[in-house]
Amino acid sequence: MPELRRDPVIGRWVIIAKERGKRPLEFEKVKEANSVQGCPFCPGNEKFTPSEITAYGKAGRHKDSGEWTLRVVPNKYPVLQIEGSLNRQGEGIYDKMNGVGAHEVIIESPDHFKEIPELTKRQVEDVICMYKERIIDLKKDSRLEFILVFKNRGAQAGATLSHPHSQLIATPIIPKRAKEEIAGAKNHYEYKERCVYCDILGQEASSLSRVVAENEHFFAFCPFASRFPFETWILPKFHSSKFEDIQKNEVGNFAGILQAVLGRLDKVLDRPPFNFIIHNSPLKDPHVPYFHWYLEIIPKLIHVAGFEWGTGFYVNPTPPEEAAKFLREAE
């Protein structure tokens, strides 16, 4: 029989449709082109991107030149732009403001074909450190309230270029989804005086059925109320409400587990398109005992259709216990 499961943070229900259960290779996969030809993110093509914001590379290199190992540029077609004032206005019952914010692209390496699992651990550490640096820098802008760091891989996941890259979008408001998550975490804390994410970690560590991987500082698992097949979360084992507080000795372990989990997903699902998202606190919030940052990975294996849009339910044909087992057993 199908099973309804409730997410303990925001109260969202999902349907685990066991009778529709799919093994990894039964998901439809779309073959995608991956050509270096004309790629604006490849070395030597720096003139085809907006002028870089910052980069890691050879000492003394000139801005917008080669010899970089990681490069950050403004998105050429930004959803929000850094220039201007908010100019909040009312129009009858409606509210509006200028589309002020930031939209940046983190080009993860010069190599067009190497994704995070194929990079060196040091290169992945650099990607993580750059996420931290950009958040800390943009926090200085008083107009900004929230920053989302995310990665789209594959056209099905929203990527328009195949060269491995991540993105960062800073907004002048706190998004509704983030507010719901923070409110759910706060409600749990007020009732139980414990962080709900720390409670989830304790539960998953004791049951083990949904665990994918762990190391000294981080824990990866398929959540109990997974909306999507092979949805995976990576949480710090220590309580921390702000990603940008990650310490140097923790970056290595985060890089290691991120590479391990993405590598297992690639092996089990034959390099699927995916999104990953860092769930973080609003920029102006203090350190809080009820919220816990984490990274969420969502392989794009099924389509969201009318039932999901009309009800808010998600139908997941692969129980997270089965997904975790496949991932644990992958090398």
C-alpha atoms as a PDB file:
ATOM      1  CA  MET A   1       0.000   0.000   0.000  1.00  0.00           C
ATOM      2  CA  PRO A   2       1.266   3.564  -0.657  1.00  0.00           C
ATOM      3  CA  GLU A   3       2.421   5.451   2.428  1.00  0.00           C
ATOM      4  CA  LEU A   4       1.893   9.078   3.449  1.00  0.00           C
ATOM      5  CA  ARG A   5       4.880  10.616   5.244  1.00  0.00           C
ATOM      6  CA  ARG A   6       5.100  14.014   6.923  1.00  0.00           C
ATOM      7  CA  ASP A   7       8.148  16.269   6.785  1.00  0.00           C
ATOM      8  CA  PRO A   8       8.923  17.209  10.423  1.00  0.00           C
ATOM      9  CA  VAL A   9      10.125  20.740   9.621  1.00  0.00           C
ATOM     10  CA  ILE A  10       7.438  22.384   7.501  1.00  0.00           C
ATOM     11  CA  GLY A  11       4.686  19.778   7.836  1.00  0.00           C
ATOM     12  CA  ARG A  12       4.582  18.939   4.126  1.00  0.00           C
ATOM     13  CA  TRP A  13       3.181  15.492   3.292  1.00  0.00           C
ATOM     14  CA  VAL A  14       4.551  13.240   0.550  1.00  0.00           C
ATOM     15  CA  ILE A  15       3.272   9.983  -0.928  1.00  0.00           C
ATOM     16  CA  ILE A  16       5.749   7.106  -1.051  1.00  0.00           C
ATOM     17  CA  ALA A  17       4.210   5.062  -3.876  1.00  0.00           C
ATOM     18  CA  LYS A  18       5.896   1.718  -3.230  1.00  0.00           C
ATOM     19  CA  GLU A  19       3.821  -0.104  -5.856  1.00  0.00           C
ATOM     20  CA  ARG A  20       5.280   2.228  -8.473  1.00  0.00           C
ATOM     21  CA  GLY A  21       8.770   1.515  -7.170  1.00  0.00           C
ATOM     22  CA  LYS A  22      11.572   2.116  -9.611  1.00  0.00           C
ATOM     23  CA  ARG A  23      15.109   0.786  -9.532  1.00  0.00           C
ATOM     24  CA  PRO A  24      17.895   3.205 -10.537  1.00  0.00           C
ATOM     25  CA  LEU A  25      18.210   2.189 -14.191  1.00  0.00           C
ATOM     26  CA  GLU A  26      14.442   2.285 -14.791  1.00  0.00           C
ATOM     27  CA  PHE A  27      14.314   6.088 -14.791  1.00  0.00           C
ATOM     28  CA  GLU A  28      14.188   7.664 -18.235  1.00  0.00           C
ATOM     29  CA  LYS A  29      17.350   9.543 -19.123  1.00  0.00           C
ATOM     30  CA  VAL A  30      17.753  12.244 -21.757  1.00  0.00           C
ATOM     31  CA  LYS A  31      21.127  12.279 -23.503  1.00  0.00           C
ATOM     32  CA  GLU A  32      22.626  15.760 -23.534  1.00  0.00           C
ATOM     33  CA  ALA A  33      25.280  17.425 -25.649  1.00  0.00           C
ATOM     34  CA  ASN A  34      28.443  18.536 -23.853  1.00  0.00           C
ATOM     35  CA  SER A  35      30.578  20.496 -26.317  1.00  0.00           C
ATOM     36  CA  VAL A  36      33.561  22.728 -25.608  1.00  0.00           C
ATOM     37  CA  GLN A  37      32.880  24.579 -28.860  1.00  0.00           C
ATOM     38  CA  GLY A  38      32.021  28.197 -28.046  1.00  0.00           C
ATOM     39  CA  CYS A  39      31.855  27.649 -24.277  1.00  0.00           C
ATOM     40  CA  PRO A  40      32.191  31.075 -22.570  1.00  0.00           C
ATOM     41  CA  PHE A  41      33.352  29.439 -19.314  1.00  0.00           C
ATOM     42  CA  CYS A  42      36.419  27.745 -20.806  1.00  0.00           C
ATOM     43  CA  PRO A  43      39.892  29.326 -20.430  1.00  0.00           C
ATOM     44  CA  GLY A  44      40.694  31.726 -23.250  1.00  0.00           C
ATOM     45  CA  ASN A  45      37.060  32.797 -23.606  1.00  0.00           C
ATOM     46  CA  GLU A  46      37.020  35.238 -20.683  1.00  0.00           C
ATOM     47  CA  LYS A  47      35.941  38.062 -22.998  1.00  0.00           C
ATOM     48  CA  PHE A  48      32.589  36.325 -23.526  1.00  0.00           C
ATOM     49  CA  THR A  49      31.547  36.702 -19.872  1.00  0.00           C
ATOM     50  CA  PRO A  50      30.939  39.878 -17.870  1.00  0.00           C
ATOM     51  CA  SER A  51      34.097  41.111 -16.122  1.00  0.00           C
ATOM     52  CA  GLU A  52      35.010  38.800 -13.244  1.00  0.00           C
ATOM     53  CA  ILE A  53      34.154  39.632  -9.642  1.00  0.00           C
ATOM     54  CA  THR A  54      36.956  37.544  -8.171  1.00  0.00           C
ATOM     55  CA  ALA A  55      39.020  34.462  -8.985  1.00  0.00           C
ATOM     56  CA  TYR A  56      41.558  31.996  -7.639  1.00  0.00           C
ATOM     57  CA  GLY A  57      44.623  31.437  -9.783  1.00  0.00           C
ATOM     58  CA  LYS A  58      48.266  32.131 -10.450  1.00  0.00           C
ATOM     59  CA  ALA A  59      49.725  34.915  -8.341  1.00  0.00           C
ATOM     60  CA  GLY A  60      49.956  38.170 -10.256  1.00  0.00           C
ATOM     61  CA  ARG A  61      47.513  37.151 -13.015  1.00  0.00           C
ATOM     62  CA  HIS A  62      45.560  39.974 -14.608  1.00  0.00           C
ATOM     63  CA  LYS A  63      41.807  40.226 -14.161  1.00  0.00           C
ATOM     64  CA  ASP A  64      39.809  38.506 -16.936  1.00  0.00           C
ATOM     65  CA  SER A  65      42.896  36.680 -18.192  1.00  0.00           C
ATOM     66  CA  GLY A  66      43.762  32.989 -18.176  1.00  0.00           C
ATOM     67  CA  GLU A  67      45.665  31.017 -15.527  1.00  0.00           C
ATOM     68  CA  TRP A  68      42.699  30.810 -13.159  1.00  0.00           C
ATOM     69  CA  THR A  69      41.582  27.752 -11.222  1.00  0.00           C
ATOM     70  CA  LEU A  70      38.154  29.095 -10.186  1.00  0.00           C
ATOM     71  CA  ARG A  71      36.367  32.180 -11.450  1.00  0.00           C
ATOM     72  CA  VAL A  72      33.295  34.183 -10.338  1.00  0.00           C
ATOM     73  CA  VAL A  73      31.450  36.400 -12.818  1.00  0.00           C
ATOM     74  CA  PRO A  74      28.080  38.181 -12.844  1.00  0.00           C
ATOM     75  CA  ASN A  75      25.410  36.205 -14.668  1.00  0.00           C
ATOM     76  CA  LYS A  76      25.130  37.606 -18.187  1.00  0.00           C
ATOM     77  CA  TYR A  77      21.328  37.423 -17.933  1.00  0.00           C
ATOM     78  CA  PRO A  78      20.686  38.134 -14.232  1.00  0.00           C
ATOM     79  CA  VAL A  79      17.323  37.578 -12.583  1.00  0.00           C
ATOM     80  CA  LEU A  80      18.209  40.498 -10.258  1.00  0.00           C
ATOM     81  CA  GLN A  81      20.823  43.244 -10.676  1.00  0.00           C
ATOM     82  CA  ILE A  82      23.111  44.890  -8.160  1.00  0.00           C
ATOM     83  CA  GLU A  83      22.615  48.492  -9.318  1.00  0.00           C
ATOM     84  CA  GLY A  84      19.820  50.757  -8.076  1.00  0.00           C
ATOM     85  CA  SER A  85      17.558  51.334  -5.095  1.00  0.00           C
ATOM     86  CA  LEU A  86      14.637  49.194  -3.966  1.00  0.00           C
ATOM     87  CA  ASN A  87      12.004  51.932  -4.403  1.00  0.00           C
ATOM     88  CA  ARG A  88       9.221  50.002  -2.639  1.00  0.00           C
ATOM     89  CA  GLN A  89       5.763  51.040  -3.850  1.00  0.00           C
ATOM     90  CA  GLY A  90       2.134  50.156  -3.508  1.00  0.00           C
ATOM     91  CA  GLU A  91      -0.229  49.933  -6.454  1.00  0.00           C
ATOM     92  CA  GLY A  92      -3.680  49.580  -4.929  1.00  0.00           C
ATOM     93  CA  ILE A  93      -3.645  46.278  -3.050  1.00  0.00           C
ATOM     94  CA  TYR A  94      -0.417  45.214  -4.804  1.00  0.00           C
ATOM     95  CA  ASP A  95       3.190  45.720  -3.681  1.00  0.00           C
ATOM     96  CA  LYS A  96       6.231  46.036  -5.882  1.00  0.00           C
ATOM     97  CA  MET A  97       9.886  47.103  -5.815  1.00  0.00           C
ATOM     98  CA  ASN A  98      12.847  47.279  -8.156  1.00  0.00           C
ATOM     99  CA  GLY A  99      14.581  44.002  -8.955  1.00  0.00           C
ATOM    100  CA  VAL A 100      17.696  44.735  -6.921  1.00  0.00           C
ATOM    101  CA  GLY A 101      19.933  41.869  -5.839  1.00  0.00           C
ATOM    102  CA  ALA A 102      22.886  39.880  -7.127  1.00  0.00           C
ATOM    103  CA  HIS A 103      23.238  36.953  -9.522  1.00  0.00           C
ATOM    104  CA  GLU A 104      26.695  35.407  -9.792  1.00  0.00           C
ATOM    105  CA  VAL A 105      28.176  32.359 -11.509  1.00  0.00           C
ATOM    106  CA  ILE A 106      30.916  30.312  -9.826  1.00  0.00           C
ATOM    107  CA  ILE A 107      32.886  28.547 -12.591  1.00  0.00           C
ATOM    108  CA  GLU A 108      34.187  25.591 -10.599  1.00  0.00           C
ATOM    109  CA  SER A 109      37.285  24.763 -12.652  1.00  0.00           C
ATOM    110  CA  PRO A 110      38.865  25.423 -16.058  1.00  0.00           C
ATOM    111  CA  ASP A 111      38.111  21.832 -17.124  1.00  0.00           C
ATOM    112  CA  HIS A 112      34.941  21.678 -19.216  1.00  0.00           C
ATOM    113  CA  PHE A 113      34.313  17.986 -18.525  1.00  0.00           C
ATOM    114  CA  LYS A 114      35.220  17.515 -14.840  1.00  0.00           C
ATOM    115  CA  GLU A 115      32.349  17.611 -12.368  1.00  0.00           C
ATOM    116  CA  ILE A 116      32.779  17.791  -8.589  1.00  0.00           C
ATOM    117  CA  PRO A 117      33.425  14.039  -8.145  1.00  0.00           C
ATOM    118  CA  GLU A 118      36.281  14.188 -10.703  1.00  0.00           C
ATOM    119  CA  LEU A 119      37.980  17.303  -9.302  1.00  0.00           C
ATOM    120  CA  THR A 120      40.743  17.089  -6.735  1.00  0.00           C
ATOM    121  CA  LYS A 121      39.647  17.481  -3.144  1.00  0.00           C
ATOM    122  CA  ARG A 122      41.542  20.782  -3.000  1.00  0.00           C
ATOM    123  CA  GLN A 123      39.568  22.100  -5.962  1.00  0.00           C
ATOM    124  CA  VAL A 124      36.266  21.214  -4.251  1.00  0.00           C
ATOM    125  CA  GLU A 125      37.495  22.882  -1.066  1.00  0.00           C
ATOM    126  CA  ASP A 126      38.151  26.009  -3.147  1.00  0.00           C
ATOM    127  CA  VAL A 127      34.569  25.927  -4.459  1.00  0.00           C
ATOM    128  CA  ILE A 128      33.228  25.725  -0.904  1.00  0.00           C
ATOM    129  CA  CYS A 129      35.547  28.490   0.300  1.00  0.00           C
ATOM    130  CA  MET A 130      34.382  30.709  -2.573  1.00  0.00           C
ATOM    131  CA  TYR A 131      30.734  30.159  -1.590  1.00  0.00           C
ATOM    132  CA  LYS A 132      31.663  31.332   1.904  1.00  0.00           C
ATOM    133  CA  GLU A 133      33.655  34.347   0.647  1.00  0.00           C
ATOM    134  CA  ARG A 134      30.866  35.558  -1.632  1.00  0.00           C
ATOM    135  CA  ILE A 135      28.221  35.290   1.093  1.00  0.00           C
ATOM    136  CA  ILE A 136      30.396  37.215   3.558  1.00  0.00           C
ATOM    137  CA  ASP A 137      31.106  39.915   0.971  1.00  0.00           C
ATOM    138  CA  LEU A 138      27.467  40.360  -0.086  1.00  0.00           C
ATOM    139  CA  LYS A 139      26.305  40.506   3.550  1.00  0.00           C
ATOM    140  CA  LYS A 140      27.837  43.983   3.666  1.00  0.00           C
ATOM    141  CA  ASP A 141      25.082  45.250   1.333  1.00  0.00           C
ATOM    142  CA  SER A 142      22.237  46.419   3.573  1.00  0.00           C
ATOM    143  CA  ARG A 143      19.690  46.048   0.749  1.00  0.00           C
ATOM    144  CA  LEU A 144      20.083  42.267   0.713  1.00  0.00           C
ATOM    145  CA  GLU A 145      18.191  39.883   2.999  1.00  0.00           C
ATOM    146  CA  PHE A 146      18.857  36.368   1.717  1.00  0.00           C
ATOM    147  CA  ILE A 147      21.355  34.433  -0.405  1.00  0.00           C
ATOM    148  CA  LEU A 148      20.779  31.110  -2.147  1.00  0.00           C
ATOM    149  CA  VAL A 149      23.750  29.100  -3.400  1.00  0.00           C
ATOM    150  CA  PHE A 150      22.759  26.372  -5.833  1.00  0.00           C
ATOM    151  CA  LYS A 151      23.930  24.195  -8.717  1.00  0.00           C
ATOM    152  CA  ASN A 152      21.979  23.024 -11.758  1.00  0.00           C
ATOM    153  CA  ARG A 153      23.497  20.153 -13.733  1.00  0.00           C
ATOM    154  CA  GLY A 154      21.919  19.203 -17.023  1.00  0.00           C
ATOM    155  CA  ALA A 155      19.237  20.835 -19.132  1.00  0.00           C
ATOM    156  CA  GLN A 156      16.496  18.960 -17.267  1.00  0.00           C
ATOM    157  CA  ALA A 157      17.719  20.640 -14.086  1.00  0.00           C
ATOM    158  CA  GLY A 158      17.763  24.109 -15.653  1.00  0.00           C
ATOM    159  CA  ALA A 159      21.397  24.404 -16.778  1.00  0.00           C
ATOM    160  CA  THR A 160      21.899  26.296 -20.039  1.00  0.00           C
ATOM    161  CA  LEU A 161      25.663  25.633 -20.206  1.00  0.00           C
ATOM    162  CA  SER A 162      27.341  22.274 -19.626  1.00  0.00           C
ATOM    163  CA  HIS A 163      30.661  23.602 -18.234  1.00  0.00           C
ATOM    164  CA  PRO A 164      30.481  22.778 -14.485  1.00  0.00           C
ATOM    165  CA  HIS A 165      29.373  25.803 -12.493  1.00  0.00           C
ATOM    166  CA  SER A 166      27.294  26.872  -9.512  1.00  0.00           C
ATOM    167  CA  GLN A 167      25.257  30.015  -8.974  1.00  0.00           C
ATOM    168  CA  LEU A 168      24.461  32.482  -6.227  1.00  0.00           C
ATOM    169  CA  ILE A 169      21.399  34.728  -6.088  1.00  0.00           C
ATOM    170  CA  ALA A 170      20.959  37.388  -3.401  1.00  0.00           C
ATOM    171  CA  THR A 171      17.463  38.808  -2.856  1.00  0.00           C
ATOM    172  CA  PRO A 172      16.104  41.913  -1.087  1.00  0.00           C
ATOM    173  CA  ILE A 173      13.406  39.820   0.632  1.00  0.00           C
ATOM    174  CA  ILE A 174      13.371  36.486   2.464  1.00  0.00           C
ATOM    175  CA  PRO A 175      11.713  33.931   0.139  1.00  0.00           C
ATOM    176  CA  LYS A 176       8.476  32.267   1.253  1.00  0.00           C
ATOM    177  CA  ARG A 177      10.055  28.789   1.191  1.00  0.00           C
ATOM    178  CA  ALA A 178      12.846  29.918   3.527  1.00  0.00           C
ATOM    179  CA  LYS A 179      10.339  31.578   5.875  1.00  0.00           C
ATOM    180  CA  GLU A 180       8.300  28.368   6.067  1.00  0.00           C
ATOM    181  CA  GLU A 181      11.365  26.300   6.884  1.00  0.00           C
ATOM    182  CA  ILE A 182      12.579  28.716   9.556  1.00  0.00           C
ATOM    183  CA  ALA A 183       9.090  28.993  11.087  1.00  0.00           C
ATOM    184  CA  GLY A 184       8.770  25.186  11.229  1.00  0.00           C
ATOM    185  CA  ALA A 185      12.166  24.853  12.886  1.00  0.00           C
ATOM    186  CA  LYS A 186      11.309  27.603  15.375  1.00  0.00           C
ATOM    187  CA  ASN A 187       7.983  25.971  16.276  1.00  0.00           C
ATOM    188  CA  HIS A 188       9.746  22.670  16.992  1.00  0.00           C
ATOM    189  CA  TYR A 189      12.307  24.434  19.161  1.00  0.00           C
ATOM    190  CA  GLU A 190       9.687  26.353  21.143  1.00  0.00           C
ATOM    191  CA  TYR A 191       7.796  23.136  21.839  1.00  0.00           C
ATOM    192  CA  LYS A 192      10.727  20.800  22.556  1.00  0.00           C
ATOM    193  CA  GLU A 193      13.675  23.173  23.230  1.00  0.00           C
ATOM    194  CA  ARG A 194      15.724  21.243  20.664  1.00  0.00           C
ATOM    195  CA  CYS A 195      16.799  21.876  17.070  1.00  0.00           C
ATOM    196  CA  VAL A 196      14.629  19.790  14.735  1.00  0.00           C
ATOM    197  CA  TYR A 197      17.601  19.144  12.431  1.00  0.00           C
ATOM    198  CA  CYS A 198      19.706  17.891  15.333  1.00  0.00           C
ATOM    199  CA  ASP A 199      16.769  15.620  16.240  1.00  0.00           C
ATOM    200  CA  ILE A 200      16.624  14.362  12.638  1.00  0.00           C
ATOM    201  CA  LEU A 201      20.363  13.618  12.749  1.00  0.00           C
ATOM    202  CA  GLY A 202      19.927  11.644  15.957  1.00  0.00           C
ATOM    203  CA  GLN A 203      17.019   9.672  14.514  1.00  0.00           C
ATOM    204  CA  GLU A 204      18.808   8.855  11.261  1.00  0.00           C
ATOM    205  CA  ALA A 205      22.016   7.885  13.042  1.00  0.00           C
ATOM    206  CA  SER A 206      20.111   5.470  15.278  1.00  0.00           C
ATOM    207  CA  SER A 207      17.958   3.871  12.546  1.00  0.00           C
ATOM    208  CA  LEU A 208      20.708   3.719   9.860  1.00  0.00           C
ATOM    209  CA  SER A 209      18.242   2.614   7.130  1.00  0.00           C
ATOM    210  CA  ARG A 210      18.443   5.933   5.250  1.00  0.00           C
ATOM    211  CA  VAL A 211      22.140   6.733   5.841  1.00  0.00           C
ATOM    212  CA  VAL A 212      24.263   7.222   2.722  1.00  0.00           C
ATOM    213  CA  ALA A 213      27.655   8.309   4.120  1.00  0.00           C
ATOM    214  CA  GLU A 214      29.257  10.115   7.041  1.00  0.00           C
ATOM    215  CA  ASN A 215      32.592  11.430   8.274  1.00  0.00           C
ATOM    216  CA  GLU A 216      33.888  13.321  11.290  1.00  0.00           C
ATOM    217  CA  HIS A 217      31.864  16.486  10.683  1.00  0.00           C
ATOM    218  CA  PHE A 218      29.071  15.623   8.209  1.00  0.00           C
ATOM    219  CA  PHE A 219      26.229  13.165   7.732  1.00  0.00           C
ATOM    220  CA  ALA A 220      24.443  12.307   4.442  1.00  0.00           C
ATOM    221  CA  PHE A 221      21.078  10.545   4.223  1.00  0.00           C
ATOM    222  CA  CYS A 222      17.888  10.222   2.171  1.00  0.00           C
ATOM    223  CA  PRO A 223      15.232  12.064   4.200  1.00  0.00           C
ATOM    224  CA  PHE A 224      12.262  10.175   5.656  1.00  0.00           C
ATOM    225  CA  ALA A 225       9.712  12.249   3.691  1.00  0.00           C
ATOM    226  CA  SER A 226      11.719  12.438   0.436  1.00  0.00           C
ATOM    227  CA  ARG A 227       9.769  14.238  -2.277  1.00  0.00           C
ATOM    228  CA  PHE A 228      11.895  12.811  -5.066  1.00  0.00           C
ATOM    229  CA  PRO A 229      13.737   9.537  -5.798  1.00  0.00           C
ATOM    230  CA  PHE A 230      17.280   9.597  -4.395  1.00  0.00           C
ATOM    231  CA  GLU A 231      16.805  13.013  -2.742  1.00  0.00           C
ATOM    232  CA  THR A 232      19.783  13.348  -0.382  1.00  0.00           C
ATOM    233  CA  TRP A 233      20.675  15.798   2.393  1.00  0.00           C
ATOM    234  CA  ILE A 234      24.108  16.567   3.843  1.00  0.00           C
ATOM    235  CA  LEU A 235      24.060  18.103   7.337  1.00  0.00           C
ATOM    236  CA  PRO A 236      26.869  19.172   9.664  1.00  0.00           C
ATOM    237  CA  LYS A 237      26.915  16.953  12.765  1.00  0.00           C
ATOM    238  CA  PHE A 238      27.524  20.065  14.891  1.00  0.00           C
ATOM    239  CA  HIS A 239      24.795  22.694  15.281  1.00  0.00           C
ATOM    240  CA  SER A 240      25.354  25.717  13.033  1.00  0.00           C
ATOM    241  CA  SER A 241      22.727  28.052  11.605  1.00  0.00           C
ATOM    242  CA  LYS A 242      25.024  29.791   9.099  1.00  0.00           C
ATOM    243  CA  PHE A 243      26.921  28.107   6.273  1.00  0.00           C
ATOM    244  CA  GLU A 244      29.394  30.982   6.105  1.00  0.00           C
ATOM    245  CA  ASP A 245      30.641  30.054   9.594  1.00  0.00           C
ATOM    246  CA  ILE A 246      32.147  26.814   8.253  1.00  0.00           C
ATOM    247  CA  GLN A 247      35.708  26.488   9.541  1.00  0.00           C
ATOM    248  CA  LYS A 248      38.853  25.547   7.626  1.00  0.00           C
ATOM    249  CA  ASN A 249      39.114  22.100   9.244  1.00  0.00           C
ATOM    250  CA  GLU A 250      35.443  21.417   8.355  1.00  0.00           C
ATOM    251  CA  VAL A 251      35.750  22.450   4.702  1.00  0.00           C
ATOM    252  CA  GLY A 252      37.832  19.372   3.876  1.00  0.00           C
ATOM    253  CA  ASN A 253      35.275  16.997   5.339  1.00  0.00           C
ATOM    254  CA  PHE A 254      32.428  18.801   3.587  1.00  0.00           C
ATOM    255  CA  ALA A 255      34.312  18.562   0.272  1.00  0.00           C
ATOM    256  CA  GLY A 256      34.958  14.871   0.873  1.00  0.00           C
ATOM    257  CA  ILE A 257      31.370  13.890   1.617  1.00  0.00           C
ATOM    258  CA  LEU A 258      29.998  16.063  -1.213  1.00  0.00           C
ATOM    259  CA  GLN A 259      32.318  14.347  -3.676  1.00  0.00           C
ATOM    260  CA  ALA A 260      31.403  10.921  -2.274  1.00  0.00           C
ATOM    261  CA  VAL A 261      27.636  11.460  -2.450  1.00  0.00           C
ATOM    262  CA  LEU A 262      27.653  13.026  -5.943  1.00  0.00           C
ATOM    263  CA  GLY A 263      29.997  10.277  -7.132  1.00  0.00           C
ATOM    264  CA  ARG A 264      27.630   7.578  -5.847  1.00  0.00           C
ATOM    265  CA  LEU A 265      24.649   9.271  -7.483  1.00  0.00           C
ATOM    266  CA  ASP A 266      26.595   9.380 -10.759  1.00  0.00           C
ATOM    267  CA  LYS A 267      27.423   5.677 -10.517  1.00  0.00           C
ATOM    268  CA  VAL A 268      23.975   4.457  -9.464  1.00  0.00           C
ATOM    269  CA  LEU A 269      21.947   6.750 -11.753  1.00  0.00           C
ATOM    270  CA  ASP A 270      24.404   7.109 -14.678  1.00  0.00           C
ATOM    271  CA  ARG A 271      25.243  10.807 -14.203  1.00  0.00           C
ATOM    272  CA  PRO A 272      21.733  12.192 -13.689  1.00  0.00           C
ATOM    273  CA  PRO A 273      20.753  15.838 -14.023  1.00  0.00           C
ATOM    274  CA  PHE A 274      20.342  17.335 -10.554  1.00  0.00           C
ATOM    275  CA  ASN A 275      19.972  20.463  -8.489  1.00  0.00           C
ATOM    276  CA  PHE A 276      21.737  21.075  -5.223  1.00  0.00           C
ATOM    277  CA  ILE A 277      20.797  23.853  -2.860  1.00  0.00           C
ATOM    278  CA  ILE A 278      22.385  25.179   0.321  1.00  0.00           C
ATOM    279  CA  HIS A 279      19.643  25.969   2.842  1.00  0.00           C
ATOM    280  CA  ASN A 280      20.944  28.821   4.986  1.00  0.00           C
ATOM    281  CA  SER A 281      19.760  31.471   7.451  1.00  0.00           C
ATOM    282  CA  PRO A 282      18.711  34.956   6.302  1.00  0.00           C
ATOM    283  CA  LEU A 283      21.653  37.350   6.165  1.00  0.00           C
ATOM    284  CA  LYS A 284      20.548  39.612   9.021  1.00  0.00           C
ATOM    285  CA  ASP A 285      19.440  36.878  11.423  1.00  0.00           C
ATOM    286  CA  PRO A 286      21.678  36.294  14.442  1.00  0.00           C
ATOM    287  CA  HIS A 287      23.034  32.847  15.222  1.00  0.00           C
ATOM    288  CA  VAL A 288      19.986  30.876  16.343  1.00  0.00           C
ATOM    289  CA  PRO A 289      19.572  27.567  18.223  1.00  0.00           C
ATOM    290  CA  TYR A 290      16.641  26.344  16.105  1.00  0.00           C
ATOM    291  CA  PHE A 291      17.909  26.447  12.492  1.00  0.00           C
ATOM    292  CA  HIS A 292      20.629  24.238  11.022  1.00  0.00           C
ATOM    293  CA  TRP A 293      22.133  24.803   7.553  1.00  0.00           C
ATOM    294  CA  TYR A 294      22.302  21.883   5.139  1.00  0.00           C
ATOM    295  CA  LEU A 295      22.829  20.971   1.493  1.00  0.00           C
ATOM    296  CA  GLU A 296      20.000  19.272  -0.421  1.00  0.00           C
ATOM    297  CA  ILE A 297      20.569  17.251  -3.625  1.00  0.00           C
ATOM    298  CA  ILE A 298      17.605  16.564  -5.922  1.00  0.00           C
ATOM    299  CA  PRO A 299      18.205  14.294  -8.942  1.00  0.00           C
ATOM    300  CA  LYS A 300      15.792  15.149 -11.770  1.00  0.00           C
ATOM    301  CA  LEU A 301      14.316  11.727 -12.446  1.00  0.00           C
ATOM    302  CA  ILE A 302      10.541  12.287 -12.510  1.00  0.00           C
ATOM    303  CA  HIS A 303       8.180  14.995 -13.715  1.00  0.00           C
ATOM    304  CA  VAL A 304       6.030  17.129 -11.422  1.00  0.00           C
ATOM    305  CA  ALA A 305       2.526  17.128 -12.906  1.00  0.00           C
ATOM    306  CA  GLY A 306      -1.044  18.276 -12.247  1.00  0.00           C
ATOM    307  CA  PHE A 307      -1.656  16.362  -9.012  1.00  0.00           C
ATOM    308  CA  GLU A 308       1.509  17.751  -7.413  1.00  0.00           C
ATOM    309  CA  TRP A 309       0.800  21.332  -8.533  1.00  0.00           C
ATOM    310  CA  GLY A 310      -2.840  21.125  -7.487  1.00  0.00           C
ATOM    311  CA  THR A 311      -2.354  19.590  -4.029  1.00  0.00           C
ATOM    312  CA  GLY A 312       1.197  20.325  -2.905  1.00  0.00           C
ATOM    313  CA  PHE A 313       1.727  16.565  -2.437  1.00  0.00           C
ATOM    314  CA  TYR A 314       4.731  14.937  -4.090  1.00  0.00           C
ATOM    315  CA  VAL A 315       4.611  11.326  -5.303  1.00  0.00           C
ATOM    316  CA  ASN A 316       7.907   9.485  -4.877  1.00  0.00           C
ATOM    317  CA  PRO A 317       8.118   6.015  -6.495  1.00  0.00           C
ATOM    318  CA  THR A 318      11.373   5.059  -4.721  1.00  0.00           C
ATOM    319  CA  PRO A 319      11.284   4.701  -0.910  1.00  0.00           C
ATOM    320  CA  PRO A 320      14.244   6.565   0.645  1.00  0.00           C
ATOM    321  CA  GLU A 321      15.325   3.380   2.436  1.00  0.00           C
ATOM    322  CA  GLU A 322      15.828   1.662  -0.942  1.00  0.00           C
ATOM    323  CA  ALA A 323      17.551   4.707  -2.449  1.00  0.00           C
ATOM    324  CA  ALA A 324      19.963   4.920   0.497  1.00  0.00           C
ATOM    325  CA  LYS A 325      20.759   1.211   0.197  1.00  0.00           C
ATOM    326  CA  PHE A 326      21.681   1.590  -3.489  1.00  0.00           C
ATOM    327  CA  LEU A 327      23.899   4.597  -2.672  1.00  0.00           C
ATOM    328  CA  ARG A 328      25.581   2.933   0.313  1.00  0.00           C
ATOM    329  CA  GLU A 329      26.462  -0.091  -1.787  1.00  0.00           C
ATOM    330  CA  ALA A 330      27.967   1.999  -4.603  1.00  0.00           C
ATOM    331  CA  GLU A 331      31.736   2.404  -4.400  1.00  0.00           C
END
